[in-house]
Amino acid sequence: MVLGKVKSLTISFDCLNDSNVPVYSSGDTVSGRVNLEVTGEIRVKSLKIHARGHAKVRWTESRNAGSNTAYTQNYTEEVEYFNHKDILIGHERGKFLY
């Protein structure tokens, strides 16, 4: 079993500034490393990576519109920045390379 031979799997992101905190803004290039350490030799048919970046926010604002009138407004927003899949080793089932 391959999973029994996995010693560690870590993902680290490169920082764009001196804060050592990986924070990105729209338009920034996200980069980093995926490190897989195994305890012995393993056979691999395929290796795929799927990276997804999205944001989700919700907040509520309450206001008074006079002496007896109040209302609450709920806000929500979702944004998908990227959804990228890559095959590093092998190929998709049913797809063949010649």
PDB file of N, CA and C in Angstrom:
ATOM      1  N   MET A   1       0.843  -1.181   0.000  1.00  0.00           N
ATOM      2  CA  MET A   1       0.000   0.000   0.000  1.00  0.00           C
ATOM      3  C   MET A   1       0.887   1.243   0.000  1.00  0.00           C
ATOM      4  N   VAL A   2       0.622   2.154  -0.909  1.00  0.00           N
ATOM      5  CA  VAL A   2       1.443   3.358  -1.054  1.00  0.00           C
ATOM      6  C   VAL A   2       1.294   4.284   0.142  1.00  0.00           C
ATOM      7  N   LEU A   3       0.083   4.474   0.655  1.00  0.00           N
ATOM      8  CA  LEU A   3      -0.129   5.415   1.754  1.00  0.00           C
ATOM      9  C   LEU A   3       0.659   5.031   2.997  1.00  0.00           C
ATOM     10  N   GLY A   4       0.901   3.749   3.203  1.00  0.00           N
ATOM     11  CA  GLY A   4       1.687   3.311   4.347  1.00  0.00           C
ATOM     12  C   GLY A   4       3.154   3.713   4.246  1.00  0.00           C
ATOM     13  N   LYS A   5       3.609   4.031   3.053  1.00  0.00           N
ATOM     14  CA  LYS A   5       5.005   4.420   2.852  1.00  0.00           C
ATOM     15  C   LYS A   5       5.211   5.932   2.838  1.00  0.00           C
ATOM     16  N   VAL A   6       4.137   6.687   2.959  1.00  0.00           N
ATOM     17  CA  VAL A   6       4.261   8.149   2.963  1.00  0.00           C
ATOM     18  C   VAL A   6       4.680   8.606   4.349  1.00  0.00           C
ATOM     19  N   LYS A   7       5.869   9.173   4.442  1.00  0.00           N
ATOM     20  CA  LYS A   7       6.366   9.684   5.720  1.00  0.00           C
ATOM     21  C   LYS A   7       5.824  11.084   5.984  1.00  0.00           C
ATOM     22  N   SER A   8       5.835  11.924   4.953  1.00  0.00           N
ATOM     23  CA  SER A   8       5.284  13.278   5.118  1.00  0.00           C
ATOM     24  C   SER A   8       4.874  13.842   3.766  1.00  0.00           C
ATOM     25  N   LEU A   9       3.887  14.696   3.812  1.00  0.00           N
ATOM     26  CA  LEU A   9       3.422  15.447   2.653  1.00  0.00           C
ATOM     27  C   LEU A   9       3.230  16.880   3.122  1.00  0.00           C
ATOM     28  N   THR A  10       4.023  17.791   2.594  1.00  0.00           N
ATOM     29  CA  THR A  10       3.928  19.192   3.011  1.00  0.00           C
ATOM     30  C   THR A  10       3.758  20.086   1.791  1.00  0.00           C
ATOM     31  N   ILE A  11       3.031  21.165   1.996  1.00  0.00           N
ATOM     32  CA  ILE A  11       2.843  22.188   0.973  1.00  0.00           C
ATOM     33  C   ILE A  11       3.308  23.505   1.571  1.00  0.00           C
ATOM     34  N   SER A  12       4.236  24.164   0.917  1.00  0.00           N
ATOM     35  CA  SER A  12       4.713  25.460   1.403  1.00  0.00           C
ATOM     36  C   SER A  12       4.559  26.491   0.293  1.00  0.00           C
ATOM     37  N   PHE A  13       4.152  27.687   0.685  1.00  0.00           N
ATOM     38  CA  PHE A  13       3.942  28.777  -0.260  1.00  0.00           C
ATOM     39  C   PHE A  13       5.059  29.799  -0.112  1.00  0.00           C
ATOM     40  N   ASP A  14       5.495  30.348  -1.231  1.00  0.00           N
ATOM     41  CA  ASP A  14       6.497  31.407  -1.216  1.00  0.00           C
ATOM     42  C   ASP A  14       5.842  32.705  -0.760  1.00  0.00           C
ATOM     43  N   CYS A  15       6.546  33.450   0.080  1.00  0.00           N
ATOM     44  CA  CYS A  15       6.043  34.736   0.577  1.00  0.00           C
ATOM     45  C   CYS A  15       6.498  35.846  -0.359  1.00  0.00           C
ATOM     46  N   LEU A  16       5.610  36.790  -0.596  1.00  0.00           N
ATOM     47  CA  LEU A  16       5.923  37.898  -1.494  1.00  0.00           C
ATOM     48  C   LEU A  16       6.554  39.080  -0.776  1.00  0.00           C
ATOM     49  N   ASN A  17       6.531  39.058   0.558  1.00  0.00           N
ATOM     50  CA  ASN A  17       7.099  40.176   1.317  1.00  0.00           C
ATOM     51  C   ASN A  17       7.919  39.624   2.481  1.00  0.00           C
ATOM     52  N   ASP A  18       8.362  40.474   3.362  1.00  0.00           N
ATOM     53  CA  ASP A  18       9.234  40.070   4.469  1.00  0.00           C
ATOM     54  C   ASP A  18       8.489  39.577   5.701  1.00  0.00           C
ATOM     55  N   SER A  19       7.161  39.448   5.628  1.00  0.00           N
ATOM     56  CA  SER A  19       6.393  39.085   6.823  1.00  0.00           C
ATOM     57  C   SER A  19       6.405  37.583   7.105  1.00  0.00           C
ATOM     58  N   ASN A  20       6.923  36.776   6.182  1.00  0.00           N
ATOM     59  CA  ASN A  20       6.924  35.313   6.308  1.00  0.00           C
ATOM     60  C   ASN A  20       5.525  34.730   6.415  1.00  0.00           C
ATOM     61  N   VAL A  21       4.530  35.474   5.954  1.00  0.00           N
ATOM     62  CA  VAL A  21       3.150  34.998   5.912  1.00  0.00           C
ATOM     63  C   VAL A  21       2.718  35.007   4.445  1.00  0.00           C
ATOM     64  N   PRO A  22       2.298  33.853   3.913  1.00  0.00           N
ATOM     65  CA  PRO A  22       1.910  33.824   2.498  1.00  0.00           C
ATOM     66  C   PRO A  22       0.540  34.475   2.276  1.00  0.00           C
ATOM     67  N   VAL A  23       0.550  35.760   1.967  1.00  0.00           N
ATOM     68  CA  VAL A  23      -0.675  36.510   1.698  1.00  0.00           C
ATOM     69  C   VAL A  23      -0.598  37.016   0.267  1.00  0.00           C
ATOM     70  N   TYR A  24      -1.673  36.825  -0.482  1.00  0.00           N
ATOM     71  CA  TYR A  24      -1.693  37.199  -1.885  1.00  0.00           C
ATOM     72  C   TYR A  24      -2.869  38.124  -2.160  1.00  0.00           C
ATOM     73  N   SER A  25      -2.706  38.950  -3.175  1.00  0.00           N
ATOM     74  CA  SER A  25      -3.763  39.840  -3.648  1.00  0.00           C
ATOM     75  C   SER A  25      -4.072  39.496  -5.094  1.00  0.00           C
ATOM     76  N   SER A  26      -5.162  40.027  -5.583  1.00  0.00           N
ATOM     77  CA  SER A  26      -5.560  39.788  -6.963  1.00  0.00           C
ATOM     78  C   SER A  26      -4.429  40.174  -7.911  1.00  0.00           C
ATOM     79  N   GLY A  27      -4.104  39.272  -8.831  1.00  0.00           N
ATOM     80  CA  GLY A  27      -3.041  39.519  -9.796  1.00  0.00           C
ATOM     81  C   GLY A  27      -1.682  38.992  -9.391  1.00  0.00           C
ATOM     82  N   ASP A  28      -1.503  38.647  -8.108  1.00  0.00           N
ATOM     83  CA  ASP A  28      -0.227  38.087  -7.655  1.00  0.00           C
ATOM     84  C   ASP A  28      -0.056  36.662  -8.178  1.00  0.00           C
ATOM     85  N   THR A  29       1.178  36.263  -8.389  1.00  0.00           N
ATOM     86  CA  THR A  29       1.487  34.888  -8.767  1.00  0.00           C
ATOM     87  C   THR A  29       1.693  34.070  -7.502  1.00  0.00           C
ATOM     88  N   VAL A  30       0.930  32.990  -7.385  1.00  0.00           N
ATOM     89  CA  VAL A  30       1.054  32.089  -6.237  1.00  0.00           C
ATOM     90  C   VAL A  30       2.071  31.018  -6.606  1.00  0.00           C
ATOM     91  N   SER A  31       3.073  30.851  -5.764  1.00  0.00           N
ATOM     92  CA  SER A  31       4.085  29.834  -6.025  1.00  0.00           C
ATOM     93  C   SER A  31       4.460  29.155  -4.720  1.00  0.00           C
ATOM     94  N   GLY A  32       5.037  27.976  -4.860  1.00  0.00           N
ATOM     95  CA  GLY A  32       5.436  27.228  -3.679  1.00  0.00           C
ATOM     96  C   GLY A  32       5.945  25.856  -4.062  1.00  0.00           C
ATOM     97  N   ARG A  33       5.934  24.953  -3.092  1.00  0.00           N
ATOM     98  CA  ARG A  33       6.462  23.610  -3.295  1.00  0.00           C
ATOM     99  C   ARG A  33       5.567  22.572  -2.632  1.00  0.00           C
ATOM    100  N   VAL A  34       5.488  21.422  -3.289  1.00  0.00           N
ATOM    101  CA  VAL A  34       4.842  20.251  -2.706  1.00  0.00           C
ATOM    102  C   VAL A  34       5.951  19.242  -2.467  1.00  0.00           C
ATOM    103  N   ASN A  35       6.127  18.822  -1.220  1.00  0.00           N
ATOM    104  CA  ASN A  35       7.174  17.865  -0.863  1.00  0.00           C
ATOM    105  C   ASN A  35       6.539  16.574  -0.369  1.00  0.00           C
ATOM    106  N   LEU A  36       6.902  15.478  -0.996  1.00  0.00           N
ATOM    107  CA  LEU A  36       6.414  14.156  -0.616  1.00  0.00           C
ATOM    108  C   LEU A  36       7.619  13.318  -0.217  1.00  0.00           C
ATOM    109  N   GLU A  37       7.653  12.886   1.035  1.00  0.00           N
ATOM    110  CA  GLU A  37       8.751  12.058   1.533  1.00  0.00           C
ATOM    111  C   GLU A  37       8.197  10.667   1.819  1.00  0.00           C
ATOM    112  N   VAL A  38       8.836   9.646   1.261  1.00  0.00           N
ATOM    113  CA  VAL A  38       8.392   8.266   1.444  1.00  0.00           C
ATOM    114  C   VAL A  38       9.470   7.471   2.175  1.00  0.00           C
ATOM    115  N   THR A  39       9.047   6.369   2.796  1.00  0.00           N
ATOM    116  CA  THR A  39       9.977   5.553   3.577  1.00  0.00           C
ATOM    117  C   THR A  39      10.686   4.504   2.738  1.00  0.00           C
ATOM    118  N   GLY A  40      10.232   4.296   1.515  1.00  0.00           N
ATOM    119  CA  GLY A  40      10.854   3.309   0.650  1.00  0.00           C
ATOM    120  C   GLY A  40      10.422   3.525  -0.784  1.00  0.00           C
ATOM    121  N   GLU A  41      10.890   2.655  -1.647  1.00  0.00           N
ATOM    122  CA  GLU A  41      10.560   2.761  -3.062  1.00  0.00           C
ATOM    123  C   GLU A  41       9.082   2.455  -3.273  1.00  0.00           C
ATOM    124  N   ILE A  42       8.442   3.236  -4.133  1.00  0.00           N
ATOM    125  CA  ILE A  42       7.037   2.994  -4.478  1.00  0.00           C
ATOM    126  C   ILE A  42       6.882   3.062  -5.992  1.00  0.00           C
ATOM    127  N   ARG A  43       5.893   2.343  -6.495  1.00  0.00           N
ATOM    128  CA  ARG A  43       5.567   2.407  -7.920  1.00  0.00           C
ATOM    129  C   ARG A  43       4.411   3.383  -8.084  1.00  0.00           C
ATOM    130  N   VAL A  44       4.546   4.260  -9.039  1.00  0.00           N
ATOM    131  CA  VAL A  44       3.539   5.294  -9.259  1.00  0.00           C
ATOM    132  C   VAL A  44       3.044   5.207 -10.697  1.00  0.00           C
ATOM    133  N   LYS A  45       1.724   5.050 -10.868  1.00  0.00           N
ATOM    134  CA  LYS A  45       1.129   5.059 -12.206  1.00  0.00           C
ATOM    135  C   LYS A  45       0.799   6.477 -12.645  1.00  0.00           C
ATOM    136  N   SER A  46       0.374   7.294 -11.693  1.00  0.00           N
ATOM    137  CA  SER A  46       0.058   8.680 -12.035  1.00  0.00           C
ATOM    138  C   SER A  46       0.225   9.562 -10.808  1.00  0.00           C
ATOM    139  N   LEU A  47       0.476  10.820 -11.081  1.00  0.00           N
ATOM    140  CA  LEU A  47       0.585  11.823 -10.031  1.00  0.00           C
ATOM    141  C   LEU A  47      -0.107  13.075 -10.549  1.00  0.00           C
ATOM    142  N   LYS A  48      -1.147  13.490  -9.837  1.00  0.00           N
ATOM    143  CA  LYS A  48      -1.952  14.634 -10.262  1.00  0.00           C
ATOM    144  C   LYS A  48      -1.968  15.675  -9.155  1.00  0.00           C
ATOM    145  N   ILE A  49      -2.097  16.921  -9.556  1.00  0.00           N
ATOM    146  CA  ILE A  49      -2.222  18.000  -8.589  1.00  0.00           C
ATOM    147  C   ILE A  49      -3.442  18.835  -8.972  1.00  0.00           C
ATOM    148  N   HIS A  50      -4.197  19.227  -7.961  1.00  0.00           N
ATOM    149  CA  HIS A  50      -5.381  20.066  -8.166  1.00  0.00           C
ATOM    150  C   HIS A  50      -5.277  21.235  -7.197  1.00  0.00           C
ATOM    151  N   ALA A  51      -5.127  22.422  -7.732  1.00  0.00           N
ATOM    152  CA  ALA A  51      -5.009  23.634  -6.916  1.00  0.00           C
ATOM    153  C   ALA A  51      -6.231  24.509  -7.161  1.00  0.00           C
ATOM    154  N   ARG A  52      -6.809  24.987  -6.074  1.00  0.00           N
ATOM    155  CA  ARG A  52      -8.006  25.819  -6.180  1.00  0.00           C
ATOM    156  C   ARG A  52      -7.866  27.000  -5.235  1.00  0.00           C
ATOM    157  N   GLY A  53      -8.166  28.171  -5.738  1.00  0.00           N
ATOM    158  CA  GLY A  53      -8.140  29.371  -4.907  1.00  0.00           C
ATOM    159  C   GLY A  53      -9.493  30.049  -4.944  1.00  0.00           C
ATOM    160  N   HIS A  54     -10.093  30.214  -3.785  1.00  0.00           N
ATOM    161  CA  HIS A  54     -11.391  30.880  -3.739  1.00  0.00           C
ATOM    162  C   HIS A  54     -11.530  31.647  -2.429  1.00  0.00           C
ATOM    163  N   ALA A  55     -12.451  32.570  -2.427  1.00  0.00           N
ATOM    164  CA  ALA A  55     -12.724  33.377  -1.235  1.00  0.00           C
ATOM    165  C   ALA A  55     -14.225  33.398  -0.999  1.00  0.00           C
ATOM    166  N   LYS A  56     -14.589  33.423   0.266  1.00  0.00           N
ATOM    167  CA  LYS A  56     -15.992  33.467   0.658  1.00  0.00           C
ATOM    168  C   LYS A  56     -16.104  34.427   1.838  1.00  0.00           C
ATOM    169  N   VAL A  57     -17.052  35.358   1.769  1.00  0.00           N
ATOM    170  CA  VAL A  57     -17.223  36.322   2.855  1.00  0.00           C
ATOM    171  C   VAL A  57     -18.716  36.536   3.114  1.00  0.00           C
ATOM    172  N   ARG A  58     -19.047  36.741   4.390  1.00  0.00           N
ATOM    173  CA  ARG A  58     -20.423  37.055   4.804  1.00  0.00           C
ATOM    174  C   ARG A  58     -20.361  38.076   5.923  1.00  0.00           C
ATOM    175  N   TRP A  59     -21.263  39.051   5.882  1.00  0.00           N
ATOM    176  CA  TRP A  59     -21.362  39.991   6.991  1.00  0.00           C
ATOM    177  C   TRP A  59     -22.764  40.574   7.045  1.00  0.00           C
ATOM    178  N   THR A  60     -23.085  41.155   8.181  1.00  0.00           N
ATOM    179  CA  THR A  60     -24.404  41.726   8.432  1.00  0.00           C
ATOM    180  C   THR A  60     -24.240  43.164   8.896  1.00  0.00           C
ATOM    181  N   GLU A  61     -25.084  44.028   8.366  1.00  0.00           N
ATOM    182  CA  GLU A  61     -25.111  45.422   8.806  1.00  0.00           C
ATOM    183  C   GLU A  61     -26.512  45.749   9.304  1.00  0.00           C
ATOM    184  N   SER A  62     -26.585  46.368  10.464  1.00  0.00           N
ATOM    185  CA  SER A  62     -27.866  46.798  11.034  1.00  0.00           C
ATOM    186  C   SER A  62     -27.894  48.316  11.067  1.00  0.00           C
ATOM    187  N   ARG A  63     -29.063  48.878  10.726  1.00  0.00           N
ATOM    188  CA  ARG A  63     -29.199  50.338  10.698  1.00  0.00           C
ATOM    189  C   ARG A  63     -30.534  50.760  11.294  1.00  0.00           C
ATOM    190  N   ASN A  64     -30.532  51.920  11.855  1.00  0.00           N
ATOM    191  CA  ASN A  64     -31.768  52.549  12.323  1.00  0.00           C
ATOM    192  C   ASN A  64     -32.175  53.592  11.298  1.00  0.00           C
ATOM    193  N   ALA A  65     -33.447  53.545  10.906  1.00  0.00           N
ATOM    194  CA  ALA A  65     -33.945  54.488   9.900  1.00  0.00           C
ATOM    195  C   ALA A  65     -35.039  55.364  10.494  1.00  0.00           C
ATOM    196  N   GLY A  66     -34.843  55.789  11.683  1.00  0.00           N
ATOM    197  CA  GLY A  66     -35.858  56.602  12.348  1.00  0.00           C
ATOM    198  C   GLY A  66     -36.072  56.093  13.757  1.00  0.00           C
ATOM    199  N   SER A  67     -37.022  56.675  14.459  1.00  0.00           N
ATOM    200  CA  SER A  67     -37.222  56.325  15.869  1.00  0.00           C
ATOM    201  C   SER A  67     -37.760  54.913  16.070  1.00  0.00           C
ATOM    202  N   ASN A  68     -38.596  54.412  15.171  1.00  0.00           N
ATOM    203  CA  ASN A  68     -39.203  53.091  15.355  1.00  0.00           C
ATOM    204  C   ASN A  68     -38.831  52.098  14.261  1.00  0.00           C
ATOM    205  N   THR A  69     -37.973  52.472  13.346  1.00  0.00           N
ATOM    206  CA  THR A  69     -37.673  51.615  12.206  1.00  0.00           C
ATOM    207  C   THR A  69     -36.204  51.197  12.241  1.00  0.00           C
ATOM    208  N   ALA A  70     -35.981  49.898  12.143  1.00  0.00           N
ATOM    209  CA  ALA A  70     -34.624  49.358  12.056  1.00  0.00           C
ATOM    210  C   ALA A  70     -34.637  48.217  11.045  1.00  0.00           C
ATOM    211  N   TYR A  71     -33.538  48.034  10.375  1.00  0.00           N
ATOM    212  CA  TYR A  71     -33.470  46.909   9.450  1.00  0.00           C
ATOM    213  C   TYR A  71     -32.056  46.335   9.449  1.00  0.00           C
ATOM    214  N   THR A  72     -31.991  45.092   9.031  1.00  0.00           N
ATOM    215  CA  THR A  72     -30.721  44.377   8.954  1.00  0.00           C
ATOM    216  C   THR A  72     -30.519  43.920   7.520  1.00  0.00           C
ATOM    217  N   GLN A  73     -29.331  44.145   7.003  1.00  0.00           N
ATOM    218  CA  GLN A  73     -28.990  43.725   5.648  1.00  0.00           C
ATOM    219  C   GLN A  73     -27.874  42.681   5.731  1.00  0.00           C
ATOM    220  N   ASN A  74     -28.092  41.530   5.091  1.00  0.00           N
ATOM    221  CA  ASN A  74     -27.088  40.470   5.035  1.00  0.00           C
ATOM    222  C   ASN A  74     -26.384  40.526   3.685  1.00  0.00           C
ATOM    223  N   TYR A  75     -25.077  40.374   3.707  1.00  0.00           N
ATOM    224  CA  TYR A  75     -24.273  40.387   2.490  1.00  0.00           C
ATOM    225  C   TYR A  75     -23.472  39.088   2.417  1.00  0.00           C
ATOM    226  N   THR A  76     -23.280  38.609   1.213  1.00  0.00           N
ATOM    227  CA  THR A  76     -22.449  37.424   0.997  1.00  0.00           C
ATOM    228  C   THR A  76     -21.828  37.507  -0.395  1.00  0.00           C
ATOM    229  N   GLU A  77     -20.639  36.979  -0.520  1.00  0.00           N
ATOM    230  CA  GLU A  77     -19.953  36.993  -1.811  1.00  0.00           C
ATOM    231  C   GLU A  77     -18.992  35.809  -1.878  1.00  0.00           C
ATOM    232  N   GLU A  78     -18.910  35.201  -3.057  1.00  0.00           N
ATOM    233  CA  GLU A  78     -17.952  34.129  -3.321  1.00  0.00           C
ATOM    234  C   GLU A  78     -17.233  34.439  -4.622  1.00  0.00           C
ATOM    235  N   VAL A  79     -15.936  34.209  -4.645  1.00  0.00           N
ATOM    236  CA  VAL A  79     -15.134  34.442  -5.844  1.00  0.00           C
ATOM    237  C   VAL A  79     -14.188  33.262  -6.022  1.00  0.00           C
ATOM    238  N   GLU A  80     -14.133  32.716  -7.228  1.00  0.00           N
ATOM    239  CA  GLU A  80     -13.140  31.687  -7.541  1.00  0.00           C
ATOM    240  C   GLU A  80     -12.027  32.352  -8.334  1.00  0.00           C
ATOM    241  N   TYR A  81     -10.813  32.290  -7.804  1.00  0.00           N
ATOM    242  CA  TYR A  81      -9.673  32.922  -8.450  1.00  0.00           C
ATOM    243  C   TYR A  81      -9.007  31.990  -9.453  1.00  0.00           C
ATOM    244  N   PHE A  82      -8.879  30.731  -9.092  1.00  0.00           N
ATOM    245  CA  PHE A  82      -8.328  29.766 -10.033  1.00  0.00           C
ATOM    246  C   PHE A  82      -8.766  28.367  -9.640  1.00  0.00           C
ATOM    247  N   ASN A  83      -8.778  27.482 -10.623  1.00  0.00           N
ATOM    248  CA  ASN A  83      -9.097  26.076 -10.429  1.00  0.00           C
ATOM    249  C   ASN A  83      -8.264  25.332 -11.465  1.00  0.00           C
ATOM    250  N   HIS A  84      -7.112  24.832 -11.041  1.00  0.00           N
ATOM    251  CA  HIS A  84      -6.133  24.293 -11.976  1.00  0.00           C
ATOM    252  C   HIS A  84      -5.811  22.838 -11.638  1.00  0.00           C
ATOM    253  N   LYS A  85      -5.904  21.984 -12.649  1.00  0.00           N
ATOM    254  CA  LYS A  85      -5.537  20.575 -12.491  1.00  0.00           C
ATOM    255  C   LYS A  85      -4.394  20.276 -13.452  1.00  0.00           C
ATOM    256  N   ASP A  86      -3.436  19.504 -12.978  1.00  0.00           N
ATOM    257  CA  ASP A  86      -2.296  19.126 -13.802  1.00  0.00           C
ATOM    258  C   ASP A  86      -1.944  17.671 -13.536  1.00  0.00           C
ATOM    259  N   ILE A  87      -1.590  16.957 -14.585  1.00  0.00           N
ATOM    260  CA  ILE A  87      -1.107  15.584 -14.463  1.00  0.00           C
ATOM    261  C   ILE A  87       0.413  15.644 -14.577  1.00  0.00           C
ATOM    262  N   LEU A  88       1.095  15.306 -13.492  1.00  0.00           N
ATOM    263  CA  LEU A  88       2.552  15.378 -13.471  1.00  0.00           C
ATOM    264  C   LEU A  88       3.190  14.100 -13.997  1.00  0.00           C
ATOM    265  N   ILE A  89       2.558  12.956 -13.709  1.00  0.00           N
ATOM    266  CA  ILE A  89       3.034  11.655 -14.184  1.00  0.00           C
ATOM    267  C   ILE A  89       1.817  10.870 -14.646  1.00  0.00           C
ATOM    268  N   GLY A  90       1.911  10.214 -15.789  1.00  0.00           N
ATOM    269  CA  GLY A  90       0.825   9.372 -16.271  1.00  0.00           C
ATOM    270  C   GLY A  90      -0.153  10.141 -17.134  1.00  0.00           C
ATOM    271  N   HIS A  91      -1.406   9.644 -17.190  1.00  0.00           N
ATOM    272  CA  HIS A  91      -2.443  10.274 -17.999  1.00  0.00           C
ATOM    273  C   HIS A  91      -3.810   9.949 -17.411  1.00  0.00           C
ATOM    274  N   GLU A  92      -4.825  10.679 -17.858  1.00  0.00           N
ATOM    275  CA  GLU A  92      -6.198  10.440 -17.406  1.00  0.00           C
ATOM    276  C   GLU A  92      -6.685   9.104 -17.944  1.00  0.00           C
ATOM    277  N   ARG A  93      -7.598   8.470 -17.212  1.00  0.00           N
ATOM    278  CA  ARG A  93      -8.204   7.239 -17.697  1.00  0.00           C
ATOM    279  C   ARG A  93      -8.946   7.512 -18.993  1.00  0.00           C
ATOM    280  N   GLY A  94      -8.760   6.645 -19.967  1.00  0.00           N
ATOM    281  CA  GLY A  94      -9.450   6.796 -21.237  1.00  0.00           C
ATOM    282  C   GLY A  94      -8.770   7.771 -22.187  1.00  0.00           C
ATOM    283  N   LYS A  95      -7.723   8.439 -21.740  1.00  0.00           N
ATOM    284  CA  LYS A  95      -6.972   9.352 -22.599  1.00  0.00           C
ATOM    285  C   LYS A  95      -5.572   8.780 -22.772  1.00  0.00           C
ATOM    286  N   PHE A  96      -5.138   8.698 -23.994  1.00  0.00           N
ATOM    287  CA  PHE A  96      -3.854   8.074 -24.264  1.00  0.00           C
ATOM    288  C   PHE A  96      -2.961   9.032 -25.033  1.00  0.00           C
ATOM    289  N   LEU A  97      -1.689   8.988 -24.742  1.00  0.00           N
ATOM    290  CA  LEU A  97      -0.712   9.817 -25.432  1.00  0.00           C
ATOM    291  C   LEU A  97       0.039   8.971 -26.445  1.00  0.00           C
ATOM    292  N   TYR A  98       0.239   9.488 -27.665  1.00  0.00           N
ATOM    293  CA  TYR A  98       0.952   8.759 -28.707  1.00  0.00           C
ATOM    294  C   TYR A  98       2.181   9.523 -29.124  1.00  0.00           C
TER     295      TYR A  98
END
